[in-house]
Amino acid sequence: MSDPALKTKAVRDASADEIEVLTFEIGGETFALEAAIVREILDLLPETIVPGSRPFVNAVINFRGKVIPLADIRVAMGMPAAAATIDSRIVVVELDLDGTPSLVGLRTDRVNEVATLSKAGGEPPPRVGLRWPPQFIECLIHREGAFIIFPDLRTIFSSKGRASQPD
């Protein structure tokens, strides 16, 4: 590949395979979200519990003068809620839910870093052996001897994803 145009195309193709992500921890596992949907990382804020709401989105917070839901993905995935620690953070993301851009806060145990990962390294989750429901996992990417979990937020926030409590 001595032709400069071919080298440029190869570099472009390699970068098209990469995705910039924010990695964070929940329940001892490393998760990642596409950095493009992350709006802000916040220290814990006062929460207002919403009576009658679903267990995994049971509170709201004030984010820059807007009331937004606060979700706990671990509860949506059937794990018990955990107490906040000094490392806990809220990751505010913008999702397209039912055709409407929506801000949602996600509780995390710790925010790690912004990293670049290869999308080609992604694998579908195995159907058995995970402590997370596989339908809530978009893919797993192997990095440095561990797996990074990409949650499928659209499925989690769809009516099926909220099936952790009857309608």
C-alpha atoms as a PDB file:
ATOM      1  CA  MET A   1       0.000   0.000   0.000  1.00  0.00           C
ATOM      2  CA  SER A   2       2.457   2.619  -1.161  1.00  0.00           C
ATOM      3  CA  ASP A   3      -0.144   4.857  -2.789  1.00  0.00           C
ATOM      4  CA  PRO A   4      -0.866   7.812  -0.403  1.00  0.00           C
ATOM      5  CA  ALA A   5      -4.567   7.798  -1.373  1.00  0.00           C
ATOM      6  CA  LEU A   6      -4.853   4.147  -0.313  1.00  0.00           C
ATOM      7  CA  LYS A   7      -3.097   4.868   2.985  1.00  0.00           C
ATOM      8  CA  THR A   8      -5.485   7.763   3.680  1.00  0.00           C
ATOM      9  CA  LYS A   9      -8.491   5.539   2.922  1.00  0.00           C
ATOM     10  CA  ALA A  10      -7.176   2.832   5.275  1.00  0.00           C
ATOM     11  CA  VAL A  11      -6.739   5.377   8.096  1.00  0.00           C
ATOM     12  CA  ARG A  12     -10.247   6.756   7.439  1.00  0.00           C
ATOM     13  CA  ASP A  13     -11.749   3.228   7.460  1.00  0.00           C
ATOM     14  CA  ALA A  14      -9.997   2.392  10.735  1.00  0.00           C
ATOM     15  CA  SER A  15     -11.294   5.558  12.396  1.00  0.00           C
ATOM     16  CA  ALA A  16     -14.824   4.852  11.129  1.00  0.00           C
ATOM     17  CA  ASP A  17     -14.641   1.593  13.096  1.00  0.00           C
ATOM     18  CA  GLU A  18     -13.846   3.430  16.327  1.00  0.00           C
ATOM     19  CA  ILE A  19     -16.287   4.963  18.762  1.00  0.00           C
ATOM     20  CA  GLU A  20     -15.650   7.432  21.563  1.00  0.00           C
ATOM     21  CA  VAL A  21     -17.320   6.309  24.798  1.00  0.00           C
ATOM     22  CA  LEU A  22     -17.708   7.289  28.425  1.00  0.00           C
ATOM     23  CA  THR A  23     -16.961   4.346  30.707  1.00  0.00           C
ATOM     24  CA  PHE A  24     -18.484   3.998  34.154  1.00  0.00           C
ATOM     25  CA  GLU A  25     -19.146   1.348  36.783  1.00  0.00           C
ATOM     26  CA  ILE A  26     -22.342  -0.159  38.098  1.00  0.00           C
ATOM     27  CA  GLY A  27     -22.312  -3.114  40.452  1.00  0.00           C
ATOM     28  CA  GLY A  28     -18.634  -3.881  39.868  1.00  0.00           C
ATOM     29  CA  GLU A  29     -19.028  -4.053  36.070  1.00  0.00           C
ATOM     30  CA  THR A  30     -17.705  -1.574  33.506  1.00  0.00           C
ATOM     31  CA  PHE A  31     -20.299  -0.039  31.207  1.00  0.00           C
ATOM     32  CA  ALA A  32     -19.953   2.384  28.310  1.00  0.00           C
ATOM     33  CA  LEU A  33     -22.164   4.860  26.518  1.00  0.00           C
ATOM     34  CA  GLU A  34     -21.446   6.616  23.280  1.00  0.00           C
ATOM     35  CA  ALA A  35     -19.880   9.936  24.315  1.00  0.00           C
ATOM     36  CA  ALA A  36     -22.052  11.809  21.799  1.00  0.00           C
ATOM     37  CA  ILE A  37     -25.189  11.245  23.919  1.00  0.00           C
ATOM     38  CA  VAL A  38     -23.580  12.363  27.203  1.00  0.00           C
ATOM     39  CA  ARG A  39     -24.523  15.917  28.112  1.00  0.00           C
ATOM     40  CA  GLU A  40     -22.923  16.238  31.547  1.00  0.00           C
ATOM     41  CA  ILE A  41     -21.477  14.354  34.507  1.00  0.00           C
ATOM     42  CA  LEU A  42     -22.787  15.585  37.850  1.00  0.00           C
ATOM     43  CA  ASP A  43     -22.016  15.077  41.484  1.00  0.00           C
ATOM     44  CA  LEU A  44     -25.030  13.709  43.312  1.00  0.00           C
ATOM     45  CA  LEU A  45     -27.929  16.153  43.525  1.00  0.00           C
ATOM     46  CA  PRO A  46     -30.977  16.316  45.767  1.00  0.00           C
ATOM     47  CA  GLU A  47     -33.597  13.888  44.452  1.00  0.00           C
ATOM     48  CA  THR A  48     -37.354  14.117  44.647  1.00  0.00           C
ATOM     49  CA  ILE A  49     -38.996  10.704  44.926  1.00  0.00           C
ATOM     50  CA  VAL A  50     -42.032  10.325  42.671  1.00  0.00           C
ATOM     51  CA  PRO A  51     -44.751   8.238  44.358  1.00  0.00           C
ATOM     52  CA  GLY A  52     -46.169   5.504  42.153  1.00  0.00           C
ATOM     53  CA  SER A  53     -43.297   5.626  39.657  1.00  0.00           C
ATOM     54  CA  ARG A  54     -41.469   2.588  38.373  1.00  0.00           C
ATOM     55  CA  PRO A  55     -38.686   1.364  40.676  1.00  0.00           C
ATOM     56  CA  PHE A  56     -35.839   2.042  38.247  1.00  0.00           C
ATOM     57  CA  VAL A  57     -36.964   5.624  37.549  1.00  0.00           C
ATOM     58  CA  ASN A  58     -38.359   6.587  40.919  1.00  0.00           C
ATOM     59  CA  ALA A  59     -36.988  10.112  41.273  1.00  0.00           C
ATOM     60  CA  VAL A  60     -36.428  13.377  39.452  1.00  0.00           C
ATOM     61  CA  ILE A  61     -33.651  15.952  39.717  1.00  0.00           C
ATOM     62  CA  ASN A  62     -33.288  19.601  38.783  1.00  0.00           C
ATOM     63  CA  PHE A  63     -30.836  19.795  35.870  1.00  0.00           C
ATOM     64  CA  ARG A  64     -30.149  23.390  34.806  1.00  0.00           C
ATOM     65  CA  GLY A  65     -33.680  24.439  35.680  1.00  0.00           C
ATOM     66  CA  LYS A  66     -35.314  21.407  34.024  1.00  0.00           C
ATOM     67  CA  VAL A  67     -36.890  18.515  35.866  1.00  0.00           C
ATOM     68  CA  ILE A  68     -35.472  15.258  34.473  1.00  0.00           C
ATOM     69  CA  PRO A  69     -35.986  11.627  35.484  1.00  0.00           C
ATOM     70  CA  LEU A  70     -33.232   9.856  37.415  1.00  0.00           C
ATOM     71  CA  ALA A  71     -32.799   6.192  36.475  1.00  0.00           C
ATOM     72  CA  ASP A  72     -30.967   3.354  38.180  1.00  0.00           C
ATOM     73  CA  ILE A  73     -30.044   0.833  35.479  1.00  0.00           C
ATOM     74  CA  ARG A  74     -29.110  -1.760  38.097  1.00  0.00           C
ATOM     75  CA  VAL A  75     -32.734  -1.854  39.293  1.00  0.00           C
ATOM     76  CA  ALA A  76     -34.029  -2.136  35.699  1.00  0.00           C
ATOM     77  CA  MET A  77     -31.774  -5.175  35.325  1.00  0.00           C
ATOM     78  CA  GLY A  78     -33.175  -6.866  38.402  1.00  0.00           C
ATOM     79  CA  MET A  79     -30.425  -6.057  40.890  1.00  0.00           C
ATOM     80  CA  PRO A  80     -31.044  -4.403  44.242  1.00  0.00           C
ATOM     81  CA  ALA A  81     -30.452  -0.674  44.578  1.00  0.00           C
ATOM     82  CA  ALA A  82     -27.181   0.316  46.233  1.00  0.00           C
ATOM     83  CA  ALA A  83     -26.311   3.176  48.524  1.00  0.00           C
ATOM     84  CA  ALA A  84     -24.456   6.111  47.009  1.00  0.00           C
ATOM     85  CA  THR A  85     -20.759   6.495  47.757  1.00  0.00           C
ATOM     86  CA  ILE A  86     -18.290   9.346  47.499  1.00  0.00           C
ATOM     87  CA  ASP A  87     -17.524   8.164  43.928  1.00  0.00           C
ATOM     88  CA  SER A  88     -21.173   8.007  42.774  1.00  0.00           C
ATOM     89  CA  ARG A  89     -22.118  10.307  39.912  1.00  0.00           C
ATOM     90  CA  ILE A  90     -25.074  11.120  37.692  1.00  0.00           C
ATOM     91  CA  VAL A  91     -24.498  10.905  33.945  1.00  0.00           C
ATOM     92  CA  VAL A  92     -27.000  13.038  32.041  1.00  0.00           C
ATOM     93  CA  VAL A  93     -27.704  11.640  28.579  1.00  0.00           C
ATOM     94  CA  GLU A  94     -29.952  12.708  25.735  1.00  0.00           C
ATOM     95  CA  LEU A  95     -31.966   9.861  24.247  1.00  0.00           C
ATOM     96  CA  ASP A  96     -34.524   9.707  21.485  1.00  0.00           C
ATOM     97  CA  LEU A  97     -37.479   8.149  23.315  1.00  0.00           C
ATOM     98  CA  ASP A  98     -40.603   7.650  21.231  1.00  0.00           C
ATOM     99  CA  GLY A  99     -39.377  10.216  18.706  1.00  0.00           C
ATOM    100  CA  THR A 100     -38.725  12.907  21.303  1.00  0.00           C
ATOM    101  CA  PRO A 101     -35.239  13.950  22.477  1.00  0.00           C
ATOM    102  CA  SER A 102     -35.271  13.417  26.243  1.00  0.00           C
ATOM    103  CA  LEU A 103     -32.768  14.136  28.986  1.00  0.00           C
ATOM    104  CA  VAL A 104     -32.323  11.370  31.551  1.00  0.00           C
ATOM    105  CA  GLY A 105     -29.989  11.128  34.523  1.00  0.00           C
ATOM    106  CA  LEU A 106     -28.307   7.760  35.114  1.00  0.00           C
ATOM    107  CA  ARG A 107     -26.976   6.800  38.545  1.00  0.00           C
ATOM    108  CA  THR A 108     -23.475   5.328  38.418  1.00  0.00           C
ATOM    109  CA  ASP A 109     -21.147   3.988  41.074  1.00  0.00           C
ATOM    110  CA  ARG A 110     -18.144   5.687  39.456  1.00  0.00           C
ATOM    111  CA  VAL A 111     -17.295   7.427  36.194  1.00  0.00           C
ATOM    112  CA  ASN A 112     -13.994   6.224  34.757  1.00  0.00           C
ATOM    113  CA  GLU A 113     -12.879   7.822  31.508  1.00  0.00           C
ATOM    114  CA  VAL A 114     -13.578   8.794  27.940  1.00  0.00           C
ATOM    115  CA  ALA A 115     -12.007   6.147  25.717  1.00  0.00           C
ATOM    116  CA  THR A 116     -11.923   5.130  22.077  1.00  0.00           C
ATOM    117  CA  LEU A 117     -13.016   1.571  21.382  1.00  0.00           C
ATOM    118  CA  SER A 118     -13.294  -0.510  18.241  1.00  0.00           C
ATOM    119  CA  LYS A 119     -16.891  -1.235  17.225  1.00  0.00           C
ATOM    120  CA  ALA A 120     -15.634  -4.262  15.290  1.00  0.00           C
ATOM    121  CA  GLY A 121     -14.623  -5.843  18.613  1.00  0.00           C
ATOM    122  CA  GLY A 122     -18.234  -5.852  19.814  1.00  0.00           C
ATOM    123  CA  GLU A 123     -19.990  -9.159  20.382  1.00  0.00           C
ATOM    124  CA  PRO A 124     -23.596  -9.891  21.247  1.00  0.00           C
ATOM    125  CA  PRO A 125     -24.108 -10.924  24.866  1.00  0.00           C
ATOM    126  CA  PRO A 126     -24.321 -14.634  25.580  1.00  0.00           C
ATOM    127  CA  ARG A 127     -27.842 -15.850  26.315  1.00  0.00           C
ATOM    128  CA  VAL A 128     -26.734 -17.546  29.550  1.00  0.00           C
ATOM    129  CA  GLY A 129     -24.211 -16.738  32.220  1.00  0.00           C
ATOM    130  CA  LEU A 130     -24.731 -12.982  32.536  1.00  0.00           C
ATOM    131  CA  ARG A 131     -26.144 -11.375  35.614  1.00  0.00           C
ATOM    132  CA  TRP A 132     -27.724  -8.749  33.355  1.00  0.00           C
ATOM    133  CA  PRO A 133     -30.715  -9.604  31.106  1.00  0.00           C
ATOM    134  CA  PRO A 134     -29.215 -10.038  27.616  1.00  0.00           C
ATOM    135  CA  GLN A 135     -32.032  -8.057  25.940  1.00  0.00           C
ATOM    136  CA  PHE A 136     -30.776  -4.970  27.807  1.00  0.00           C
ATOM    137  CA  ILE A 137     -27.216  -5.365  26.470  1.00  0.00           C
ATOM    138  CA  GLU A 138     -26.361  -4.015  23.021  1.00  0.00           C
ATOM    139  CA  CYS A 139     -22.918  -5.625  22.913  1.00  0.00           C
ATOM    140  CA  LEU A 140     -19.797  -6.506  24.874  1.00  0.00           C
ATOM    141  CA  ILE A 141     -16.338  -5.277  23.906  1.00  0.00           C
ATOM    142  CA  HIS A 142     -13.187  -6.973  25.175  1.00  0.00           C
ATOM    143  CA  ARG A 143     -10.511  -4.557  26.382  1.00  0.00           C
ATOM    144  CA  GLU A 144      -7.430  -5.114  28.528  1.00  0.00           C
ATOM    145  CA  GLY A 145      -8.556  -8.501  29.833  1.00  0.00           C
ATOM    146  CA  ALA A 146     -12.085  -7.404  30.757  1.00  0.00           C
ATOM    147  CA  PHE A 147     -15.423  -6.823  29.058  1.00  0.00           C
ATOM    148  CA  ILE A 148     -17.097  -3.454  28.694  1.00  0.00           C
ATOM    149  CA  ILE A 149     -20.882  -3.642  28.592  1.00  0.00           C
ATOM    150  CA  PHE A 150     -22.881  -1.396  26.254  1.00  0.00           C
ATOM    151  CA  PRO A 151     -26.408  -1.161  27.671  1.00  0.00           C
ATOM    152  CA  ASP A 152     -29.284  -0.816  25.214  1.00  0.00           C
ATOM    153  CA  LEU A 153     -30.856   2.271  26.787  1.00  0.00           C
ATOM    154  CA  ARG A 154     -33.684   2.472  24.256  1.00  0.00           C
ATOM    155  CA  THR A 155     -34.821  -1.050  25.169  1.00  0.00           C
ATOM    156  CA  ILE A 156     -34.411  -0.382  28.883  1.00  0.00           C
ATOM    157  CA  PHE A 157     -36.551   2.757  28.632  1.00  0.00           C
ATOM    158  CA  SER A 158     -39.153   1.263  26.293  1.00  0.00           C
ATOM    159  CA  SER A 159     -42.311  -0.157  27.805  1.00  0.00           C
ATOM    160  CA  LYS A 160     -40.802  -3.647  27.525  1.00  0.00           C
ATOM    161  CA  GLY A 161     -37.654  -2.471  29.292  1.00  0.00           C
ATOM    162  CA  ARG A 162     -39.746  -1.166  32.160  1.00  0.00           C
ATOM    163  CA  ALA A 163     -41.315  -4.552  32.725  1.00  0.00           C
ATOM    164  CA  SER A 164     -39.546  -4.837  36.058  1.00  0.00           C
ATOM    165  CA  GLN A 165     -42.853  -3.677  37.519  1.00  0.00           C
ATOM    166  CA  PRO A 166     -46.283  -4.568  36.128  1.00  0.00           C
ATOM    167  CA  ASP A 167     -48.140  -1.883  34.204  1.00  0.00           C
END
